[in-house]
Amino acid sequence: MIPIISKFTAEYSQIPRISERTRIPQSNITALVNQNEEGTFWIFGNAYVNVLKVNLLLVRTFPLRYEGFPLTGCH
């Protein structure tokens, strides 16, 4: 099962939390989320974000912010 959340949840819950903990500017995280927005849950549903994909992109894009985290060595 692919870990997904709604884009709304990403924008209003996860992005501020991740930015606060990693010190990555919210604008940078928002840009990655927007670039990786996927379809909808239903025909008239909301856009969603693949959490794993965005997390891996964050680690690759900002490796120094994740230094010491277990995922840093993953390729």
N, C-alpha and C. Protein backbone atom coordinates (compact mmCIF):
# COMPACT_ATOMS: atom_id res chain seq x y z
N MET A 1 0.83 -1.17 0.00
CA MET A 1 0.00 0.00 0.00
C MET A 1 0.89 1.25 0.00
N ILE A 2 0.58 2.19 -0.85
CA ILE A 2 1.34 3.42 -0.98
C ILE A 2 0.88 4.41 0.09
N PRO A 3 1.82 4.98 0.86
CA PRO A 3 1.43 5.96 1.87
C PRO A 3 1.09 7.30 1.22
N ILE A 4 -0.17 7.68 1.29
CA ILE A 4 -0.60 8.94 0.69
C ILE A 4 -1.36 9.77 1.71
N ILE A 5 -1.32 11.09 1.52
CA ILE A 5 -2.13 12.01 2.30
C ILE A 5 -2.71 13.02 1.32
N SER A 6 -3.78 13.68 1.72
CA SER A 6 -4.35 14.70 0.85
C SER A 6 -3.39 15.88 0.77
N LYS A 7 -3.47 16.59 -0.32
CA LYS A 7 -2.62 17.77 -0.48
C LYS A 7 -2.96 18.79 0.60
N PHE A 8 -4.22 18.88 0.97
CA PHE A 8 -4.64 19.78 2.03
C PHE A 8 -3.92 19.45 3.34
N THR A 9 -3.87 18.17 3.70
CA THR A 9 -3.18 17.76 4.92
C THR A 9 -1.69 18.08 4.83
N ALA A 10 -1.11 17.84 3.67
CA ALA A 10 0.31 18.15 3.48
C ALA A 10 0.56 19.64 3.71
N GLU A 11 -0.27 20.47 3.11
CA GLU A 11 -0.05 21.91 3.18
C GLU A 11 -0.28 22.49 4.57
N TYR A 12 -1.30 22.02 5.26
CA TYR A 12 -1.68 22.68 6.52
C TYR A 12 -1.23 21.95 7.78
N SER A 13 -0.73 20.75 7.63
CA SER A 13 -0.30 19.99 8.81
C SER A 13 1.16 19.58 8.70
N GLN A 14 1.51 18.92 7.62
CA GLN A 14 2.83 18.32 7.52
C GLN A 14 3.94 19.31 7.14
N ILE A 15 3.69 20.18 6.19
CA ILE A 15 4.73 21.12 5.75
C ILE A 15 5.23 22.00 6.89
N PRO A 16 4.35 22.62 7.68
CA PRO A 16 4.86 23.43 8.80
C PRO A 16 5.65 22.60 9.80
N ARG A 17 5.20 21.39 10.10
CA ARG A 17 5.88 20.53 11.06
C ARG A 17 7.26 20.12 10.55
N ILE A 18 7.34 19.71 9.29
CA ILE A 18 8.62 19.30 8.71
C ILE A 18 9.58 20.48 8.65
N SER A 19 9.07 21.64 8.25
CA SER A 19 9.90 22.84 8.17
C SER A 19 10.47 23.20 9.54
N GLU A 20 9.64 23.13 10.56
CA GLU A 20 10.09 23.47 11.91
C GLU A 20 11.18 22.51 12.39
N ARG A 21 11.02 21.23 12.11
CA ARG A 21 11.97 20.24 12.62
C ARG A 21 13.26 20.16 11.81
N THR A 22 13.18 20.46 10.52
CA THR A 22 14.37 20.34 9.67
C THR A 22 15.00 21.68 9.32
N ARG A 23 14.27 22.75 9.56
CA ARG A 23 14.70 24.11 9.21
C ARG A 23 14.79 24.30 7.69
N ILE A 24 14.09 23.47 6.94
CA ILE A 24 13.96 23.67 5.49
C ILE A 24 12.81 24.67 5.31
N PRO A 25 13.02 25.73 4.53
CA PRO A 25 11.94 26.72 4.35
C PRO A 25 10.66 26.07 3.82
N GLN A 26 9.53 26.52 4.36
CA GLN A 26 8.24 25.98 3.92
C GLN A 26 8.06 26.11 2.42
N SER A 27 8.58 27.19 1.84
CA SER A 27 8.41 27.39 0.39
C SER A 27 9.10 26.28 -0.40
N ASN A 28 10.25 25.80 0.07
CA ASN A 28 10.94 24.71 -0.63
C ASN A 28 10.16 23.40 -0.52
N ILE A 29 9.62 23.13 0.65
CA ILE A 29 8.85 21.90 0.85
C ILE A 29 7.56 21.97 0.04
N THR A 30 6.92 23.13 0.06
CA THR A 30 5.68 23.32 -0.72
C THR A 30 5.94 23.09 -2.20
N ALA A 31 7.07 23.59 -2.70
CA ALA A 31 7.41 23.40 -4.12
C ALA A 31 7.54 21.92 -4.45
N LEU A 32 8.21 21.15 -3.58
CA LEU A 32 8.34 19.70 -3.82
C LEU A 32 6.99 19.01 -3.78
N VAL A 33 6.15 19.41 -2.84
CA VAL A 33 4.80 18.82 -2.74
C VAL A 33 4.01 19.14 -4.01
N ASN A 34 4.04 20.39 -4.46
CA ASN A 34 3.31 20.78 -5.66
C ASN A 34 3.81 20.04 -6.90
N GLN A 35 5.12 19.82 -6.99
CA GLN A 35 5.69 19.12 -8.14
C GLN A 35 5.32 17.64 -8.13
N ASN A 36 4.93 17.13 -6.97
CA ASN A 36 4.64 15.70 -6.85
C ASN A 36 3.19 15.41 -6.50
N GLU A 37 2.33 16.37 -6.78
CA GLU A 37 0.90 16.18 -6.58
C GLU A 37 0.41 15.13 -7.57
N GLU A 38 -0.42 14.24 -7.09
CA GLU A 38 -0.95 13.18 -7.95
C GLU A 38 -2.45 13.32 -8.08
N GLY A 39 -3.07 12.41 -8.84
CA GLY A 39 -4.49 12.44 -9.15
C GLY A 39 -5.42 12.65 -7.98
N THR A 40 -6.56 12.08 -8.07
CA THR A 40 -7.56 12.24 -7.02
C THR A 40 -7.95 10.89 -6.46
N PHE A 41 -8.49 10.90 -5.24
CA PHE A 41 -8.99 9.67 -4.64
C PHE A 41 -10.20 9.15 -5.41
N TRP A 42 -11.08 10.08 -5.77
CA TRP A 42 -12.28 9.75 -6.52
C TRP A 42 -12.37 10.73 -7.68
N ILE A 43 -13.33 10.55 -8.53
CA ILE A 43 -13.47 11.44 -9.68
C ILE A 43 -13.55 12.90 -9.24
N PHE A 44 -14.31 13.17 -8.18
CA PHE A 44 -14.45 14.54 -7.72
C PHE A 44 -13.69 14.77 -6.41
N GLY A 45 -12.71 13.92 -6.16
CA GLY A 45 -11.96 13.98 -4.90
C GLY A 45 -10.85 15.02 -4.91
N ASN A 46 -10.03 14.92 -3.90
CA ASN A 46 -8.93 15.87 -3.72
C ASN A 46 -7.62 15.30 -4.22
N ALA A 47 -6.73 16.21 -4.57
CA ALA A 47 -5.39 15.80 -4.98
C ALA A 47 -4.68 15.19 -3.78
N TYR A 48 -3.72 14.31 -4.05
CA TYR A 48 -3.00 13.68 -2.96
C TYR A 48 -1.50 13.69 -3.23
N VAL A 49 -0.74 13.34 -2.19
CA VAL A 49 0.71 13.35 -2.26
C VAL A 49 1.23 12.00 -1.78
N ASN A 50 2.17 11.43 -2.50
CA ASN A 50 2.83 10.20 -2.09
C ASN A 50 3.89 10.58 -1.05
N VAL A 51 3.63 10.24 0.21
CA VAL A 51 4.49 10.65 1.31
C VAL A 51 5.91 10.10 1.17
N LEU A 52 6.02 8.84 0.84
CA LEU A 52 7.34 8.22 0.71
C LEU A 52 8.17 8.91 -0.36
N LYS A 53 7.56 9.17 -1.51
CA LYS A 53 8.26 9.82 -2.62
C LYS A 53 8.76 11.21 -2.22
N VAL A 54 7.91 12.00 -1.58
CA VAL A 54 8.31 13.35 -1.17
C VAL A 54 9.38 13.29 -0.08
N ASN A 55 9.24 12.36 0.87
CA ASN A 55 10.26 12.23 1.91
C ASN A 55 11.62 11.90 1.32
N LEU A 56 11.66 10.99 0.37
CA LEU A 56 12.93 10.63 -0.26
C LEU A 56 13.51 11.81 -1.05
N LEU A 57 12.65 12.57 -1.71
CA LEU A 57 13.12 13.77 -2.41
C LEU A 57 13.68 14.81 -1.45
N LEU A 58 13.06 14.95 -0.29
CA LEU A 58 13.57 15.89 0.71
C LEU A 58 14.96 15.48 1.18
N VAL A 59 15.15 14.19 1.42
CA VAL A 59 16.45 13.70 1.88
C VAL A 59 17.51 13.92 0.79
N ARG A 60 17.15 13.67 -0.46
CA ARG A 60 18.11 13.85 -1.56
C ARG A 60 18.40 15.32 -1.84
N THR A 61 17.38 16.17 -1.69
CA THR A 61 17.53 17.58 -2.00
C THR A 61 18.24 18.35 -0.88
N PHE A 62 18.01 17.92 0.35
CA PHE A 62 18.57 18.61 1.52
C PHE A 62 19.32 17.61 2.41
N PRO A 63 20.37 16.97 1.89
CA PRO A 63 21.03 15.90 2.66
C PRO A 63 21.62 16.37 3.99
N LEU A 64 22.11 17.59 4.05
CA LEU A 64 22.71 18.07 5.31
C LEU A 64 21.67 18.23 6.42
N ARG A 65 20.42 18.49 6.04
CA ARG A 65 19.34 18.63 7.03
C ARG A 65 18.97 17.29 7.65
N TYR A 66 19.32 16.22 6.95
CA TYR A 66 18.96 14.88 7.42
C TYR A 66 20.18 14.08 7.88
N GLU A 67 21.31 14.76 8.03
CA GLU A 67 22.52 14.10 8.48
C GLU A 67 22.26 13.43 9.83
N GLY A 68 22.61 12.15 9.92
CA GLY A 68 22.39 11.41 11.15
C GLY A 68 21.08 10.66 11.18
N PHE A 69 20.16 10.96 10.25
CA PHE A 69 18.91 10.21 10.16
C PHE A 69 19.20 8.88 9.48
N PRO A 70 18.49 7.82 9.82
CA PRO A 70 18.76 6.50 9.22
C PRO A 70 18.69 6.47 7.69
N LEU A 71 17.83 7.29 7.07
CA LEU A 71 17.66 7.25 5.62
C LEU A 71 18.81 7.90 4.85
N THR A 72 19.69 8.63 5.50
CA THR A 72 20.73 9.38 4.81
C THR A 72 21.61 8.49 3.94
N GLY A 73 21.88 7.26 4.37
CA GLY A 73 22.72 6.36 3.60
C GLY A 73 22.00 5.62 2.49
N CYS A 74 20.66 5.76 2.39
CA CYS A 74 19.91 5.04 1.36
C CYS A 74 20.05 5.73 0.02
N HIS A 75 20.12 4.93 -1.04
CA HIS A 75 20.23 5.50 -2.39
C HIS A 75 19.14 4.95 -3.27
